[in-house]
Structure formats: structure tokens, C-alpha cells
Amino acid sequence: MRWDDFRTSENVEDRRGLPIPGGAGGLGIGTIVILGLIGWALGIDPRLLIGGAEMLQGDGSGYQQQQQGKTGTPQDQAGRFAAAILGNTEDVWKEVLPQQANRQYQAPRLVLFSGATRSGCGAAQSAMGPFYCPTDQTVYLDLSFFQDMQTRFRAGGDFAYAYVIAHEIGHHVQNQLGILTRAQSRQREVGQPEANQISVRTELMADCLAGVWANRSQQRWNALEPGDIEKAVAAAQAIGDDRLQRQTQGTVVPDSFTHGSSEQRVRWLTTGLKTGQVQACDTFRASKL
């Protein structure tokens, strides 16, 4: 993927190298790591376990105690890559969202961290993987996740990494459209199986929106190279709930899925890639996921 020509975003805060908080959101780092591992093993979003533990601790936000890092474009290659992909998503969505959804796009922030930090949604820890926090409209990313994609998931390549960032930006687009708020509100009203199903629809829509970004970016910048799409598809396959559960616990429990199966993730990413249309990504109206 030729990303050097992309505009780099200034909406990046680099917290890498800062001291790791002794307790993110009131929890110790050891506790967070254990909850993260339990989440992956059981197919449960680790953020749900950590967030619940923080609520029991009496401090679910951690927002007022956030670390402050350097703002602007990082100078190392990995940081510049993340800033370039973020900048490209900004350029794409500032055109696409008004055209297709009659909404102005407000760019999110990206926080790069190492190990652990705090977010508007509570703890941010490497074991949780990249995530978007709607409270502060920020994506949190430990760049070591890209190494994990290579070693643990056997999925790598610049476009595969860009897909991960674009997926989180997809959640920001959902937030801009009011979809994320409605989904989260509904999750609090229903039982766990139905809440998981809402989560799956939310995540698959973000996959599709990542595909919309790639479609429109390719039309304008022609940055994709042979094999790039295949690498992104391989990444989507590798992080499907069914494959992760099979690897960690030997069995697959569909009712516990929170992100979708490998086949579903590939199909919705491909839908966005082929259509370039936000409307095509409406997983909440889809009869089949």
C-alpha cells in the first residue's frame, strides 16, 4: 500500500513512552491483563469485563485522570503510518458523509500508547486491542497490535493494518450518525445473547464502513497494490470470533460472538469495498448477517 502520499493528521496524541498508570481506571495492570486474557478465551469483549470491574471499584470513567502526550504527527515510521491512515480517513469521510448521509464529519482523535493508558471510557490496555471510545470520540491504539497480527493471527501488511484503523473510524462514523448510541442503549435493555447480537451487527457495520473508506480512497489516490485486498481479507478472517474461540478454547459458541464470524467479517468488508456506499452497510436492517 502506497501511503506516503496521504496527508498526515494532526489529530494524533502520542503517549508512547509515558509511565504506565499504576491503576487504569482504578484497576491494577495485573488485573487488567488477566481480565483481557479471560475475555479473549471466552469470546467476550475484554472491555466489558474491565468496564464492569471498574464500576465495582467505583470509578468507571478514569476520564479526569487521563495522561497527556505529544500532539501532532509522530516522527517514527509506525507513528507516521497511523497518522497518514487517520488523515486519509478524514479526507474521505469529510466528502462521503455529507454526500451520502447529509451529515458533516467531525474528525476524531487517535491516541497512540504502549502498555496501558486511560480513556474517556475507562482503562485502555494492550490486551484489549484497538478500540473507539464514543465518550471522548477517540481511537486508542497500541501499535504492538500490528506485531500481534503477524505473530498470533498470521495476518499482516500495511493495508491490513490500515483496515484495523479504518474499522475503529467506522465506529466513529456510527457515532456521528447516532447509530452507536442507539445500539449501546438497546444493549443495556436486553439480555446477554441479544446484547451480543447487537454488538455483532455494530462490529460488522464498522467492517463494511472500513471497506467504504478503502473504496473511495482507492478511487482518488490509487494507493492499493497487488495483494493488498487479499491481506485485509486474511486479517478479517483471522479475527473472526469463531476462529479466535477455536484457537483459544477449542470450541465455538455462536451466542457469545461479539464481532462476527470470519465469513461474516469478510463478507461485510467486501460489501463496503465493492459498493463504496454507506447505505449498503446497514447491518441492522439486514435479514442475514
C-alpha atoms as a PDB file:
ATOM      1  CA  MET A   1       0.000   0.000   0.000  1.00  0.00           C
ATOM      2  CA  ARG A   2       1.413   3.360  -1.045  1.00  0.00           C
ATOM      3  CA  TRP A   3       0.534   5.557   1.911  1.00  0.00           C
ATOM      4  CA  ASP A   4       3.421   8.057   1.805  1.00  0.00           C
ATOM      5  CA  ASP A   5       1.353  10.466  -0.298  1.00  0.00           C
ATOM      6  CA  PHE A   6      -1.503  10.563   2.221  1.00  0.00           C
ATOM      7  CA  ARG A   7      -1.926  13.701   4.290  1.00  0.00           C
ATOM      8  CA  THR A   8      -0.907  13.051   7.871  1.00  0.00           C
ATOM      9  CA  SER A   9      -3.417  14.033  10.519  1.00  0.00           C
ATOM     10  CA  GLU A  10      -2.625  16.435  13.334  1.00  0.00           C
ATOM     11  CA  ASN A  11      -5.328  14.807  15.485  1.00  0.00           C
ATOM     12  CA  VAL A  12      -2.833  12.369  16.979  1.00  0.00           C
ATOM     13  CA  GLU A  13      -1.704  12.249  20.589  1.00  0.00           C
ATOM     14  CA  ASP A  14       1.376  10.139  21.232  1.00  0.00           C
ATOM     15  CA  ARG A  15       1.556   8.737  24.760  1.00  0.00           C
ATOM     16  CA  ARG A  16       4.114   6.062  23.950  1.00  0.00           C
ATOM     17  CA  GLY A  17       6.983   6.076  26.384  1.00  0.00           C
ATOM     18  CA  LEU A  18       4.995   7.712  29.162  1.00  0.00           C
ATOM     19  CA  PRO A  19       4.911   5.890  32.519  1.00  0.00           C
ATOM     20  CA  ILE A  20       2.185   3.251  32.610  1.00  0.00           C
ATOM     21  CA  PRO A  21      -0.544   4.208  35.097  1.00  0.00           C
ATOM     22  CA  GLY A  22      -0.358   2.209  38.296  1.00  0.00           C
ATOM     23  CA  GLY A  23      -4.086   1.513  38.005  1.00  0.00           C
ATOM     24  CA  ALA A  24      -6.034   2.322  34.861  1.00  0.00           C
ATOM     25  CA  GLY A  25      -9.493   3.364  35.938  1.00  0.00           C
ATOM     26  CA  GLY A  26      -8.737   2.156  39.472  1.00  0.00           C
ATOM     27  CA  LEU A  27      -7.662  -1.360  38.436  1.00  0.00           C
ATOM     28  CA  GLY A  28      -4.150  -2.719  38.687  1.00  0.00           C
ATOM     29  CA  ILE A  29      -2.308  -3.622  35.483  1.00  0.00           C
ATOM     30  CA  GLY A  30      -2.163  -7.294  36.519  1.00  0.00           C
ATOM     31  CA  THR A  31      -5.936  -7.382  36.947  1.00  0.00           C
ATOM     32  CA  ILE A  32      -6.463  -5.777  33.552  1.00  0.00           C
ATOM     33  CA  VAL A  33      -4.174  -8.297  31.848  1.00  0.00           C
ATOM     34  CA  ILE A  34      -5.983 -11.225  33.473  1.00  0.00           C
ATOM     35  CA  LEU A  35      -9.412  -9.865  32.503  1.00  0.00           C
ATOM     36  CA  GLY A  36      -8.162  -9.303  28.966  1.00  0.00           C
ATOM     37  CA  LEU A  37      -6.976 -12.912  28.668  1.00  0.00           C
ATOM     38  CA  ILE A  38     -10.226 -14.242  30.135  1.00  0.00           C
ATOM     39  CA  GLY A  39     -12.192 -12.173  27.639  1.00  0.00           C
ATOM     40  CA  TRP A  40     -10.272 -13.499  24.650  1.00  0.00           C
ATOM     41  CA  ALA A  41     -10.542 -17.087  25.922  1.00  0.00           C
ATOM     42  CA  LEU A  42     -14.309 -16.919  26.454  1.00  0.00           C
ATOM     43  CA  GLY A  43     -15.080 -14.869  23.372  1.00  0.00           C
ATOM     44  CA  ILE A  44     -16.207 -11.899  25.474  1.00  0.00           C
ATOM     45  CA  ASP A  45     -15.162  -8.371  24.631  1.00  0.00           C
ATOM     46  CA  PRO A  46     -12.450  -7.643  27.266  1.00  0.00           C
ATOM     47  CA  ARG A  47     -13.685  -4.061  27.525  1.00  0.00           C
ATOM     48  CA  LEU A  48     -16.959  -5.334  29.011  1.00  0.00           C
ATOM     49  CA  LEU A  49     -15.151  -7.271  31.738  1.00  0.00           C
ATOM     50  CA  ILE A  50     -12.753  -4.438  32.534  1.00  0.00           C
ATOM     51  CA  GLY A  51     -15.511  -1.836  32.470  1.00  0.00           C
ATOM     52  CA  GLY A  52     -17.634  -3.938  34.823  1.00  0.00           C
ATOM     53  CA  ALA A  53     -14.741  -4.387  37.218  1.00  0.00           C
ATOM     54  CA  GLU A  54     -14.128  -0.637  37.169  1.00  0.00           C
ATOM     55  CA  MET A  55     -17.762   0.001  38.061  1.00  0.00           C
ATOM     56  CA  LEU A  56     -17.383  -2.310  41.055  1.00  0.00           C
ATOM     57  CA  GLN A  57     -14.292  -0.336  42.003  1.00  0.00           C
ATOM     58  CA  GLY A  58     -16.419   2.806  41.988  1.00  0.00           C
ATOM     59  CA  ASP A  59     -14.562   4.551  39.124  1.00  0.00           C
ATOM     60  CA  GLY A  60     -15.794   3.682  35.657  1.00  0.00           C
ATOM     61  CA  SER A  61     -14.619   6.682  33.751  1.00  0.00           C
ATOM     62  CA  GLY A  62     -10.996   7.448  34.511  1.00  0.00           C
ATOM     63  CA  TYR A  63     -11.603  10.459  32.309  1.00  0.00           C
ATOM     64  CA  GLN A  64     -10.374  13.177  34.639  1.00  0.00           C
ATOM     65  CA  GLN A  65      -7.045  11.396  35.124  1.00  0.00           C
ATOM     66  CA  GLN A  66      -6.018  10.890  31.513  1.00  0.00           C
ATOM     67  CA  GLN A  67      -2.380  11.106  30.586  1.00  0.00           C
ATOM     68  CA  GLN A  68      -1.277  13.830  28.221  1.00  0.00           C
ATOM     69  CA  GLY A  69       1.122  13.028  25.411  1.00  0.00           C
ATOM     70  CA  LYS A  70       2.602  14.885  22.477  1.00  0.00           C
ATOM     71  CA  THR A  71       0.148  16.100  19.849  1.00  0.00           C
ATOM     72  CA  GLY A  72       0.858  16.318  16.139  1.00  0.00           C
ATOM     73  CA  THR A  73       2.403  13.907  13.651  1.00  0.00           C
ATOM     74  CA  PRO A  74       4.801  11.340  15.161  1.00  0.00           C
ATOM     75  CA  GLN A  75       8.250  11.106  13.586  1.00  0.00           C
ATOM     76  CA  ASP A  76       8.801   7.337  13.595  1.00  0.00           C
ATOM     77  CA  GLN A  77       7.574   5.254  10.673  1.00  0.00           C
ATOM     78  CA  ALA A  78       4.895   3.321  12.580  1.00  0.00           C
ATOM     79  CA  GLY A  79       3.522   6.526  14.069  1.00  0.00           C
ATOM     80  CA  ARG A  80       3.606   8.333  10.722  1.00  0.00           C
ATOM     81  CA  PHE A  81       1.764   5.402   9.148  1.00  0.00           C
ATOM     82  CA  ALA A  82      -1.032   5.620  11.717  1.00  0.00           C
ATOM     83  CA  ALA A  83      -1.228   9.409  11.293  1.00  0.00           C
ATOM     84  CA  ALA A  84      -1.330   9.036   7.489  1.00  0.00           C
ATOM     85  CA  ILE A  85      -4.137   6.486   7.566  1.00  0.00           C
ATOM     86  CA  LEU A  86      -6.052   8.674  10.010  1.00  0.00           C
ATOM     87  CA  GLY A  87      -5.532  11.687   7.751  1.00  0.00           C
ATOM     88  CA  ASN A  88      -6.781   9.734   4.766  1.00  0.00           C
ATOM     89  CA  THR A  89      -9.906   8.602   6.600  1.00  0.00           C
ATOM     90  CA  GLU A  90     -10.540  12.254   7.467  1.00  0.00           C
ATOM     91  CA  ASP A  91     -10.220  13.304   3.833  1.00  0.00           C
ATOM     92  CA  VAL A  92     -12.512  10.511   2.652  1.00  0.00           C
ATOM     93  CA  TRP A  93     -15.238  10.830   5.280  1.00  0.00           C
ATOM     94  CA  LYS A  94     -15.369  14.632   5.022  1.00  0.00           C
ATOM     95  CA  GLU A  95     -16.575  14.039   1.473  1.00  0.00           C
ATOM     96  CA  VAL A  96     -18.559  10.825   1.836  1.00  0.00           C
ATOM     97  CA  LEU A  97     -20.611  11.565   4.940  1.00  0.00           C
ATOM     98  CA  PRO A  98     -22.148  14.834   3.654  1.00  0.00           C
ATOM     99  CA  GLN A  99     -22.748  13.289   0.212  1.00  0.00           C
ATOM    100  CA  GLN A 100     -24.292  10.030   1.373  1.00  0.00           C
ATOM    101  CA  ALA A 101     -25.754  10.800   4.804  1.00  0.00           C
ATOM    102  CA  ASN A 102     -26.209  14.576   4.771  1.00  0.00           C
ATOM    103  CA  ARG A 103     -24.019  14.872   7.868  1.00  0.00           C
ATOM    104  CA  GLN A 104     -20.879  16.919   8.425  1.00  0.00           C
ATOM    105  CA  TYR A 105     -17.927  14.825   9.515  1.00  0.00           C
ATOM    106  CA  GLN A 106     -16.178  15.771  12.738  1.00  0.00           C
ATOM    107  CA  ALA A 107     -12.742  14.161  12.874  1.00  0.00           C
ATOM    108  CA  PRO A 108     -11.895  12.001  15.911  1.00  0.00           C
ATOM    109  CA  ARG A 109      -8.596  11.864  17.755  1.00  0.00           C
ATOM    110  CA  LEU A 110      -6.141   8.983  17.752  1.00  0.00           C
ATOM    111  CA  VAL A 111      -4.165   8.173  20.898  1.00  0.00           C
ATOM    112  CA  LEU A 112      -1.073   6.007  20.483  1.00  0.00           C
ATOM    113  CA  PHE A 113       0.037   4.330  23.687  1.00  0.00           C
ATOM    114  CA  SER A 114       2.200   1.489  24.923  1.00  0.00           C
ATOM    115  CA  GLY A 115       1.090  -0.950  27.592  1.00  0.00           C
ATOM    116  CA  ALA A 116      -1.764   0.945  29.197  1.00  0.00           C
ATOM    117  CA  THR A 117      -3.341   4.358  29.467  1.00  0.00           C
ATOM    118  CA  ARG A 118      -6.646   5.940  30.420  1.00  0.00           C
ATOM    119  CA  SER A 119      -9.547   6.876  28.198  1.00  0.00           C
ATOM    120  CA  GLY A 120     -12.919   8.538  28.469  1.00  0.00           C
ATOM    121  CA  CYS A 121     -14.361   5.005  28.607  1.00  0.00           C
ATOM    122  CA  GLY A 122     -12.078   3.786  31.397  1.00  0.00           C
ATOM    123  CA  ALA A 123      -8.991   1.628  31.071  1.00  0.00           C
ATOM    124  CA  ALA A 124      -7.136   1.247  27.805  1.00  0.00           C
ATOM    125  CA  GLN A 125      -4.791  -1.729  27.849  1.00  0.00           C
ATOM    126  CA  SER A 126      -2.881  -3.516  25.115  1.00  0.00           C
ATOM    127  CA  ALA A 127      -4.675  -6.802  25.809  1.00  0.00           C
ATOM    128  CA  MET A 128      -7.956  -5.147  24.818  1.00  0.00           C
ATOM    129  CA  GLY A 129      -6.766  -4.413  21.297  1.00  0.00           C
ATOM    130  CA  PRO A 130      -7.600  -1.188  19.425  1.00  0.00           C
ATOM    131  CA  PHE A 131     -10.912   0.419  20.353  1.00  0.00           C
ATOM    132  CA  TYR A 132     -13.020   3.530  19.871  1.00  0.00           C
ATOM    133  CA  CYS A 133     -14.387   5.464  22.847  1.00  0.00           C
ATOM    134  CA  PRO A 134     -17.517   7.479  21.982  1.00  0.00           C
ATOM    135  CA  THR A 135     -17.283   9.487  25.220  1.00  0.00           C
ATOM    136  CA  ASP A 136     -14.166  11.355  24.091  1.00  0.00           C
ATOM    137  CA  GLN A 137     -14.506  10.462  20.380  1.00  0.00           C
ATOM    138  CA  THR A 138     -11.046   8.936  20.336  1.00  0.00           C
ATOM    139  CA  VAL A 139      -9.456   5.791  18.920  1.00  0.00           C
ATOM    140  CA  TYR A 140      -6.928   4.120  21.234  1.00  0.00           C
ATOM    141  CA  LEU A 141      -4.191   2.053  19.620  1.00  0.00           C
ATOM    142  CA  ASP A 142      -1.100   0.282  20.873  1.00  0.00           C
ATOM    143  CA  LEU A 143       0.923  -0.195  17.692  1.00  0.00           C
ATOM    144  CA  SER A 144       2.252  -3.509  19.028  1.00  0.00           C
ATOM    145  CA  PHE A 145      -1.133  -4.910  17.962  1.00  0.00           C
ATOM    146  CA  PHE A 146       0.175  -4.931  14.404  1.00  0.00           C
ATOM    147  CA  GLN A 147       3.002  -7.226  15.508  1.00  0.00           C
ATOM    148  CA  ASP A 148       0.419  -9.444  17.197  1.00  0.00           C
ATOM    149  CA  MET A 149      -1.464  -9.630  13.909  1.00  0.00           C
ATOM    150  CA  GLN A 150       1.641 -11.097  12.291  1.00  0.00           C
ATOM    151  CA  THR A 151       2.700 -13.464  15.065  1.00  0.00           C
ATOM    152  CA  ARG A 152      -0.632 -14.501  16.561  1.00  0.00           C
ATOM    153  CA  PHE A 153      -3.046 -14.157  13.660  1.00  0.00           C
ATOM    154  CA  ARG A 154      -0.582 -14.599  10.765  1.00  0.00           C
ATOM    155  CA  ALA A 155      -2.116 -11.568   9.088  1.00  0.00           C
ATOM    156  CA  GLY A 156      -0.015  -8.559   8.172  1.00  0.00           C
ATOM    157  CA  GLY A 157       0.693  -5.896   5.595  1.00  0.00           C
ATOM    158  CA  ASP A 158       0.074  -2.150   5.519  1.00  0.00           C
ATOM    159  CA  PHE A 159      -3.431  -2.403   4.115  1.00  0.00           C
ATOM    160  CA  ALA A 160      -4.374  -4.993   6.742  1.00  0.00           C
ATOM    161  CA  TYR A 161      -3.167  -2.595   9.438  1.00  0.00           C
ATOM    162  CA  ALA A 162      -4.987   0.282   7.748  1.00  0.00           C
ATOM    163  CA  TYR A 163      -8.170  -1.819   7.798  1.00  0.00           C
ATOM    164  CA  VAL A 164      -7.871  -2.124  11.594  1.00  0.00           C
ATOM    165  CA  ILE A 165      -7.630   1.660  11.992  1.00  0.00           C
ATOM    166  CA  ALA A 166     -10.416   2.245   9.456  1.00  0.00           C
ATOM    167  CA  HIS A 167     -12.648  -0.214  11.347  1.00  0.00           C
ATOM    168  CA  GLU A 168     -12.307   1.871  14.509  1.00  0.00           C
ATOM    169  CA  ILE A 169     -13.004   5.025  12.492  1.00  0.00           C
ATOM    170  CA  GLY A 170     -16.096   3.183  11.265  1.00  0.00           C
ATOM    171  CA  HIS A 171     -17.322   3.215  14.857  1.00  0.00           C
ATOM    172  CA  HIS A 172     -16.777   6.972  14.908  1.00  0.00           C
ATOM    173  CA  VAL A 173     -18.903   7.276  11.776  1.00  0.00           C
ATOM    174  CA  GLN A 174     -21.583   5.217  13.524  1.00  0.00           C
ATOM    175  CA  ASN A 175     -21.335   7.606  16.455  1.00  0.00           C
ATOM    176  CA  GLN A 176     -21.710  10.611  14.139  1.00  0.00           C
ATOM    177  CA  LEU A 177     -24.852   9.029  12.682  1.00  0.00           C
ATOM    178  CA  GLY A 178     -26.328   8.267  16.115  1.00  0.00           C
ATOM    179  CA  ILE A 179     -26.231   4.533  15.456  1.00  0.00           C
ATOM    180  CA  LEU A 180     -23.695   3.712  18.163  1.00  0.00           C
ATOM    181  CA  THR A 181     -25.656   5.491  20.893  1.00  0.00           C
ATOM    182  CA  ARG A 182     -28.878   3.686  19.975  1.00  0.00           C
ATOM    183  CA  ALA A 183     -27.122   0.322  19.824  1.00  0.00           C
ATOM    184  CA  GLN A 184     -25.475   0.756  23.214  1.00  0.00           C
ATOM    185  CA  SER A 185     -28.705   1.959  24.762  1.00  0.00           C
ATOM    186  CA  ARG A 186     -30.533  -1.098  23.454  1.00  0.00           C
ATOM    187  CA  GLN A 187     -27.811  -3.398  24.760  1.00  0.00           C
ATOM    188  CA  ARG A 188     -28.457  -2.170  28.287  1.00  0.00           C
ATOM    189  CA  GLU A 189     -32.135  -3.109  27.959  1.00  0.00           C
ATOM    190  CA  VAL A 190     -31.806  -6.715  26.796  1.00  0.00           C
ATOM    191  CA  GLY A 191     -30.261  -9.982  27.915  1.00  0.00           C
ATOM    192  CA  GLN A 192     -26.701 -11.031  27.112  1.00  0.00           C
ATOM    193  CA  PRO A 193     -27.413 -13.144  23.993  1.00  0.00           C
ATOM    194  CA  GLU A 194     -29.336 -10.298  22.323  1.00  0.00           C
ATOM    195  CA  ALA A 195     -26.763  -7.744  23.502  1.00  0.00           C
ATOM    196  CA  ASN A 196     -24.065  -9.855  21.851  1.00  0.00           C
ATOM    197  CA  GLN A 197     -26.071  -9.932  18.632  1.00  0.00           C
ATOM    198  CA  ILE A 198     -26.317  -6.130  18.664  1.00  0.00           C
ATOM    199  CA  SER A 199     -22.567  -5.983  19.176  1.00  0.00           C
ATOM    200  CA  VAL A 200     -22.036  -8.273  16.175  1.00  0.00           C
ATOM    201  CA  ARG A 201     -24.190  -6.048  13.953  1.00  0.00           C
ATOM    202  CA  THR A 202     -22.309  -2.982  15.186  1.00  0.00           C
ATOM    203  CA  GLU A 203     -18.909  -4.526  14.503  1.00  0.00           C
ATOM    204  CA  LEU A 204     -19.845  -5.884  11.070  1.00  0.00           C
ATOM    205  CA  MET A 205     -21.126  -2.457  10.082  1.00  0.00           C
ATOM    206  CA  ALA A 206     -17.762  -0.988  11.104  1.00  0.00           C
ATOM    207  CA  ASP A 207     -16.060  -3.596   8.891  1.00  0.00           C
ATOM    208  CA  CYS A 208     -18.253  -2.520   5.998  1.00  0.00           C
ATOM    209  CA  LEU A 209     -17.558   1.163   6.625  1.00  0.00           C
ATOM    210  CA  ALA A 210     -13.842   0.385   6.563  1.00  0.00           C
ATOM    211  CA  GLY A 211     -14.479  -1.076   3.121  1.00  0.00           C
ATOM    212  CA  VAL A 212     -16.315   2.092   2.060  1.00  0.00           C
ATOM    213  CA  TRP A 213     -13.274   4.132   3.092  1.00  0.00           C
ATOM    214  CA  ALA A 214     -10.959   1.859   1.093  1.00  0.00           C
ATOM    215  CA  ASN A 215     -13.205   2.056  -1.972  1.00  0.00           C
ATOM    216  CA  ARG A 216     -13.341   5.836  -2.010  1.00  0.00           C
ATOM    217  CA  SER A 217      -9.683   6.246  -1.086  1.00  0.00           C
ATOM    218  CA  GLN A 218      -8.670   3.973  -3.944  1.00  0.00           C
ATOM    219  CA  GLN A 219     -10.767   5.945  -6.415  1.00  0.00           C
ATOM    220  CA  ARG A 220      -8.976   9.160  -5.517  1.00  0.00           C
ATOM    221  CA  TRP A 221      -5.429   8.133  -4.535  1.00  0.00           C
ATOM    222  CA  ASN A 222      -4.995   4.742  -6.235  1.00  0.00           C
ATOM    223  CA  ALA A 223      -2.781   3.625  -3.364  1.00  0.00           C
ATOM    224  CA  LEU A 224      -3.543  -0.097  -3.320  1.00  0.00           C
ATOM    225  CA  GLU A 225      -1.031  -2.568  -4.704  1.00  0.00           C
ATOM    226  CA  PRO A 226      -1.493  -6.189  -5.849  1.00  0.00           C
ATOM    227  CA  GLY A 227      -2.230  -8.434  -2.883  1.00  0.00           C
ATOM    228  CA  ASP A 228      -3.370  -5.648  -0.552  1.00  0.00           C
ATOM    229  CA  ILE A 229      -7.052  -6.571  -0.568  1.00  0.00           C
ATOM    230  CA  GLU A 230      -6.203 -10.231  -0.019  1.00  0.00           C
ATOM    231  CA  LYS A 231      -4.177  -9.277   3.072  1.00  0.00           C
ATOM    232  CA  ALA A 232      -7.044  -7.263   4.506  1.00  0.00           C
ATOM    233  CA  VAL A 233      -9.430 -10.160   3.860  1.00  0.00           C
ATOM    234  CA  ALA A 234      -6.974 -12.513   5.592  1.00  0.00           C
ATOM    235  CA  ALA A 235      -6.925 -10.170   8.586  1.00  0.00           C
ATOM    236  CA  ALA A 236     -10.735 -10.108   8.727  1.00  0.00           C
ATOM    237  CA  GLN A 237     -10.767 -13.905   8.611  1.00  0.00           C
ATOM    238  CA  ALA A 238      -8.131 -14.194  11.326  1.00  0.00           C
ATOM    239  CA  ILE A 239     -10.025 -12.089  13.874  1.00  0.00           C
ATOM    240  CA  GLY A 240     -13.447 -13.679  13.422  1.00  0.00           C
ATOM    241  CA  ASP A 241     -14.995 -14.822  16.698  1.00  0.00           C
ATOM    242  CA  ASP A 242     -15.294 -18.423  15.552  1.00  0.00           C
ATOM    243  CA  ARG A 243     -11.617 -18.700  14.651  1.00  0.00           C
ATOM    244  CA  LEU A 244     -10.483 -16.965  17.859  1.00  0.00           C
ATOM    245  CA  GLN A 245     -12.668 -19.206  20.018  1.00  0.00           C
ATOM    246  CA  ARG A 246     -11.473 -22.321  18.231  1.00  0.00           C
ATOM    247  CA  GLN A 247      -7.864 -21.296  18.815  1.00  0.00           C
ATOM    248  CA  THR A 248      -8.271 -20.370  22.476  1.00  0.00           C
ATOM    249  CA  GLN A 249     -10.844 -22.824  23.822  1.00  0.00           C
ATOM    250  CA  GLY A 250     -11.225 -25.485  21.142  1.00  0.00           C
ATOM    251  CA  THR A 251     -14.975 -24.945  20.733  1.00  0.00           C
ATOM    252  CA  VAL A 252     -17.175 -22.320  19.104  1.00  0.00           C
ATOM    253  CA  VAL A 253     -20.083 -20.699  20.978  1.00  0.00           C
ATOM    254  CA  PRO A 254     -22.041 -18.523  18.486  1.00  0.00           C
ATOM    255  CA  ASP A 255     -24.234 -16.954  21.203  1.00  0.00           C
ATOM    256  CA  SER A 256     -21.109 -15.421  22.732  1.00  0.00           C
ATOM    257  CA  PHE A 257     -19.929 -13.800  19.474  1.00  0.00           C
ATOM    258  CA  THR A 258     -19.370 -10.046  19.783  1.00  0.00           C
ATOM    259  CA  HIS A 259     -17.681  -9.249  16.447  1.00  0.00           C
ATOM    260  CA  GLY A 260     -18.965 -11.821  13.968  1.00  0.00           C
ATOM    261  CA  SER A 261     -17.606 -14.954  12.336  1.00  0.00           C
ATOM    262  CA  SER A 262     -14.715 -14.937   9.901  1.00  0.00           C
ATOM    263  CA  GLU A 263     -17.104 -15.422   6.979  1.00  0.00           C
ATOM    264  CA  GLN A 264     -19.328 -12.561   8.133  1.00  0.00           C
ATOM    265  CA  ARG A 265     -16.434 -10.158   8.666  1.00  0.00           C
ATOM    266  CA  VAL A 266     -15.020 -10.872   5.223  1.00  0.00           C
ATOM    267  CA  ARG A 267     -18.426 -10.541   3.560  1.00  0.00           C
ATOM    268  CA  TRP A 268     -19.226  -7.165   5.096  1.00  0.00           C
ATOM    269  CA  LEU A 269     -15.754  -5.778   4.487  1.00  0.00           C
ATOM    270  CA  THR A 270     -16.093  -6.892   0.884  1.00  0.00           C
ATOM    271  CA  THR A 271     -19.540  -5.283   0.645  1.00  0.00           C
ATOM    272  CA  GLY A 272     -18.067  -1.911   1.550  1.00  0.00           C
ATOM    273  CA  LEU A 273     -15.113  -2.417  -0.788  1.00  0.00           C
ATOM    274  CA  LYS A 274     -17.357  -3.224  -3.738  1.00  0.00           C
ATOM    275  CA  THR A 275     -20.094  -0.631  -3.233  1.00  0.00           C
ATOM    276  CA  GLY A 276     -18.436   2.350  -1.570  1.00  0.00           C
ATOM    277  CA  GLN A 277     -21.885   3.132  -0.153  1.00  0.00           C
ATOM    278  CA  VAL A 278     -22.760   3.774   3.491  1.00  0.00           C
ATOM    279  CA  GLN A 279     -26.327   2.604   2.877  1.00  0.00           C
ATOM    280  CA  ALA A 280     -25.046  -0.824   1.849  1.00  0.00           C
ATOM    281  CA  CYS A 281     -23.552  -1.222   5.338  1.00  0.00           C
ATOM    282  CA  ASP A 282     -26.837  -1.192   7.283  1.00  0.00           C
ATOM    283  CA  THR A 283     -26.394  -4.456   9.165  1.00  0.00           C
ATOM    284  CA  PHE A 284     -29.275  -3.572  11.482  1.00  0.00           C
ATOM    285  CA  ARG A 285     -31.749  -3.896   8.605  1.00  0.00           C
ATOM    286  CA  ALA A 286     -30.071  -6.903   7.036  1.00  0.00           C
ATOM    287  CA  SER A 287     -32.059 -10.142   7.274  1.00  0.00           C
ATOM    288  CA  LYS A 288     -28.849 -12.161   7.030  1.00  0.00           C
ATOM    289  CA  LEU A 289     -25.563 -11.294   8.660  1.00  0.00           C
END
